């Protein structure tokens, strides 16, 4: 299943600016760690299909105790993604915006630059 994380824009791994490539690699590593910590047991909440036929979804895993870990929120809090303006809105969009505010306040990831991409 090919899944696009709804509600966020994250740097993609492709040829481009070195800082953006570093963030793309860091975002990928963060996702791989979240998947490994969840023992590859993910909750995928489909929201829509994109123009390429991918499932646009919220992705979560069980954390310690009963808490669920949102992959989107983790990327946003780390400054490895930005909330997406327009398009499909996720059920937890307000939480995503709050997670982004944490990254902005701490000036981390994309928010560490003078003019974030």
C-alpha atoms as a PDB file:
ATOM      1  CA  UNK A   1       0.000   0.000   0.000  1.00  0.00           C
ATOM      2  CA  UNK A   2       1.380   3.394  -0.993  1.00  0.00           C
ATOM      3  CA  UNK A   3       0.432   6.042   1.577  1.00  0.00           C
ATOM      4  CA  UNK A   4       0.793   9.804   1.569  1.00  0.00           C
ATOM      5  CA  UNK A   5       0.672  11.421   5.004  1.00  0.00           C
ATOM      6  CA  UNK A   6      -2.283  13.802   4.985  1.00  0.00           C
ATOM      7  CA  UNK A   7      -2.100  17.334   6.271  1.00  0.00           C
ATOM      8  CA  UNK A   8       1.656  17.800   5.992  1.00  0.00           C
ATOM      9  CA  UNK A   9       4.391  18.637   3.513  1.00  0.00           C
ATOM     10  CA  UNK A  10       7.740  17.030   4.197  1.00  0.00           C
ATOM     11  CA  UNK A  11      10.947  17.408   2.190  1.00  0.00           C
ATOM     12  CA  UNK A  12      11.318  14.610  -0.351  1.00  0.00           C
ATOM     13  CA  UNK A  13      14.487  12.702  -1.128  1.00  0.00           C
ATOM     14  CA  UNK A  14      15.545  13.964  -4.545  1.00  0.00           C
ATOM     15  CA  UNK A  15      18.261  16.094  -6.047  1.00  0.00           C
ATOM     16  CA  UNK A  16      18.184  19.606  -4.665  1.00  0.00           C
ATOM     17  CA  UNK A  17      19.506  21.916  -1.986  1.00  0.00           C
ATOM     18  CA  UNK A  18      21.785  20.278   0.567  1.00  0.00           C
ATOM     19  CA  UNK A  19      19.879  21.554   3.655  1.00  0.00           C
ATOM     20  CA  UNK A  20      16.582  20.300   2.231  1.00  0.00           C
ATOM     21  CA  UNK A  21      18.146  16.927   1.383  1.00  0.00           C
ATOM     22  CA  UNK A  22      19.464  16.620   4.940  1.00  0.00           C
ATOM     23  CA  UNK A  23      15.967  17.297   6.321  1.00  0.00           C
ATOM     24  CA  UNK A  24      14.444  14.787   3.877  1.00  0.00           C
ATOM     25  CA  UNK A  25      16.900  12.131   5.051  1.00  0.00           C
ATOM     26  CA  UNK A  26      16.214  13.004   8.696  1.00  0.00           C
ATOM     27  CA  UNK A  27      12.434  12.788   8.105  1.00  0.00           C
ATOM     28  CA  UNK A  28      12.834   9.362   6.496  1.00  0.00           C
ATOM     29  CA  UNK A  29      14.961   8.141   9.405  1.00  0.00           C
ATOM     30  CA  UNK A  30      12.398   9.479  11.899  1.00  0.00           C
ATOM     31  CA  UNK A  31       9.619   7.558  10.125  1.00  0.00           C
ATOM     32  CA  UNK A  32      11.699   4.364  10.037  1.00  0.00           C
ATOM     33  CA  UNK A  33      12.346   4.671  13.799  1.00  0.00           C
ATOM     34  CA  UNK A  34       8.645   5.213  14.498  1.00  0.00           C
ATOM     35  CA  UNK A  35       7.770   2.150  12.419  1.00  0.00           C
ATOM     36  CA  UNK A  36      10.405   0.029  14.162  1.00  0.00           C
ATOM     37  CA  UNK A  37       9.271   1.220  17.617  1.00  0.00           C
ATOM     38  CA  UNK A  38       5.723   0.196  16.679  1.00  0.00           C
ATOM     39  CA  UNK A  39       6.995  -3.260  15.685  1.00  0.00           C
ATOM     40  CA  UNK A  40       5.674  -2.564  12.162  1.00  0.00           C
ATOM     41  CA  UNK A  41       2.094  -2.436  13.535  1.00  0.00           C
ATOM     42  CA  UNK A  42       0.585   0.762  12.162  1.00  0.00           C
ATOM     43  CA  UNK A  43      -2.883   2.243  12.188  1.00  0.00           C
ATOM     44  CA  UNK A  44      -3.698   3.788   8.839  1.00  0.00           C
ATOM     45  CA  UNK A  45      -6.783   5.994   8.736  1.00  0.00           C
ATOM     46  CA  UNK A  46      -7.642   6.607   5.059  1.00  0.00           C
ATOM     47  CA  UNK A  47      -8.963  10.068   4.248  1.00  0.00           C
ATOM     48  CA  UNK A  48      -8.846  10.184   0.430  1.00  0.00           C
ATOM     49  CA  UNK A  49      -6.964   9.061  -2.692  1.00  0.00           C
ATOM     50  CA  UNK A  50      -4.523  11.389  -4.446  1.00  0.00           C
ATOM     51  CA  UNK A  51      -4.162  11.900  -8.193  1.00  0.00           C
ATOM     52  CA  UNK A  52      -1.503   9.149  -8.303  1.00  0.00           C
ATOM     53  CA  UNK A  53      -3.825   6.631  -6.637  1.00  0.00           C
ATOM     54  CA  UNK A  54      -2.021   6.686  -3.293  1.00  0.00           C
ATOM     55  CA  UNK A  55      -4.023   6.487  -0.102  1.00  0.00           C
ATOM     56  CA  UNK A  56      -3.950   9.820   1.724  1.00  0.00           C
ATOM     57  CA  UNK A  57      -4.139   8.930   5.403  1.00  0.00           C
ATOM     58  CA  UNK A  58      -3.278   9.674   8.972  1.00  0.00           C
ATOM     59  CA  UNK A  59      -0.738   7.171  10.254  1.00  0.00           C
ATOM     60  CA  UNK A  60      -0.425   6.238  13.911  1.00  0.00           C
ATOM     61  CA  UNK A  61       1.034   3.571  16.137  1.00  0.00           C
ATOM     62  CA  UNK A  62       0.474   2.543  19.736  1.00  0.00           C
ATOM     63  CA  UNK A  63       2.906   4.215  22.076  1.00  0.00           C
ATOM     64  CA  UNK A  64       3.631   3.352  25.683  1.00  0.00           C
ATOM     65  CA  UNK A  65       0.481   2.611  27.601  1.00  0.00           C
ATOM     66  CA  UNK A  66      -2.647   3.481  25.656  1.00  0.00           C
ATOM     67  CA  UNK A  67      -1.288   6.600  23.941  1.00  0.00           C
ATOM     68  CA  UNK A  68      -1.284   6.714  20.166  1.00  0.00           C
ATOM     69  CA  UNK A  69       1.642   8.285  18.348  1.00  0.00           C
ATOM     70  CA  UNK A  70       0.747  10.308  15.267  1.00  0.00           C
ATOM     71  CA  UNK A  71       3.469  10.138  12.633  1.00  0.00           C
ATOM     72  CA  UNK A  72       2.375  13.513  11.275  1.00  0.00           C
ATOM     73  CA  UNK A  73       2.587  15.172  14.692  1.00  0.00           C
ATOM     74  CA  UNK A  74       6.028  13.681  15.338  1.00  0.00           C
ATOM     75  CA  UNK A  75       7.383  15.031  12.045  1.00  0.00           C
ATOM     76  CA  UNK A  76       5.808  18.429  12.683  1.00  0.00           C
ATOM     77  CA  UNK A  77       7.126  18.734  16.259  1.00  0.00           C
ATOM     78  CA  UNK A  78      10.604  17.857  14.988  1.00  0.00           C
ATOM     79  CA  UNK A  79      10.418  20.548  12.316  1.00  0.00           C
ATOM     80  CA  UNK A  80      10.735  17.877   9.621  1.00  0.00           C
ATOM     81  CA  UNK A  81       7.451  18.862   7.970  1.00  0.00           C
ATOM     82  CA  UNK A  82       5.048  21.780   7.707  1.00  0.00           C
ATOM     83  CA  UNK A  83       1.273  21.722   7.781  1.00  0.00           C
ATOM     84  CA  UNK A  84      -0.206  21.621   4.288  1.00  0.00           C
ATOM     85  CA  UNK A  85      -2.430  24.508   3.304  1.00  0.00           C
ATOM     86  CA  UNK A  86      -5.388  23.429   1.193  1.00  0.00           C
ATOM     87  CA  UNK A  87      -6.117  20.002  -0.152  1.00  0.00           C
ATOM     88  CA  UNK A  88      -7.440  17.169   1.971  1.00  0.00           C
ATOM     89  CA  UNK A  89      -7.936  18.131   5.595  1.00  0.00           C
ATOM     90  CA  UNK A  90      -7.140  15.473   8.160  1.00  0.00           C
ATOM     91  CA  UNK A  91      -9.357  14.753  11.148  1.00  0.00           C
ATOM     92  CA  UNK A  92      -6.505  15.809  13.485  1.00  0.00           C
ATOM     93  CA  UNK A  93      -5.529  18.967  11.586  1.00  0.00           C
ATOM     94  CA  UNK A  94      -5.828  21.168  14.701  1.00  0.00           C
ATOM     95  CA  UNK A  95      -3.389  18.909  16.564  1.00  0.00           C
ATOM     96  CA  UNK A  96      -1.033  19.148  13.570  1.00  0.00           C
ATOM     97  CA  UNK A  97      -1.133  22.941  13.733  1.00  0.00           C
ATOM     98  CA  UNK A  98      -0.316  22.813  17.456  1.00  0.00           C
ATOM     99  CA  UNK A  99       2.604  20.438  16.801  1.00  0.00           C
ATOM    100  CA  UNK A 100       3.945  22.840  14.177  1.00  0.00           C
ATOM    101  CA  UNK A 101       3.756  25.725  16.673  1.00  0.00           C
ATOM    102  CA  UNK A 102       6.052  23.726  18.978  1.00  0.00           C
ATOM    103  CA  UNK A 103       8.654  23.411  16.196  1.00  0.00           C
ATOM    104  CA  UNK A 104       8.352  27.092  15.277  1.00  0.00           C
ATOM    105  CA  UNK A 105       8.827  28.145  18.907  1.00  0.00           C
ATOM    106  CA  UNK A 106      11.911  25.938  19.265  1.00  0.00           C
ATOM    107  CA  UNK A 107      13.256  26.967  15.831  1.00  0.00           C
ATOM    108  CA  UNK A 108      13.975  23.389  14.844  1.00  0.00           C
ATOM    109  CA  UNK A 109      14.230  21.710  11.439  1.00  0.00           C
ATOM    110  CA  UNK A 110      12.717  23.777   8.635  1.00  0.00           C
ATOM    111  CA  UNK A 111      12.034  26.517  11.182  1.00  0.00           C
ATOM    112  CA  UNK A 112      15.741  26.903  12.043  1.00  0.00           C
ATOM    113  CA  UNK A 113      16.310  28.711   8.740  1.00  0.00           C
ATOM    114  CA  UNK A 114      15.623  32.409   8.248  1.00  0.00           C
ATOM    115  CA  UNK A 115      13.172  31.720   5.440  1.00  0.00           C
ATOM    116  CA  UNK A 116      11.666  28.216   5.746  1.00  0.00           C
ATOM    117  CA  UNK A 117      11.001  26.381   2.470  1.00  0.00           C
END
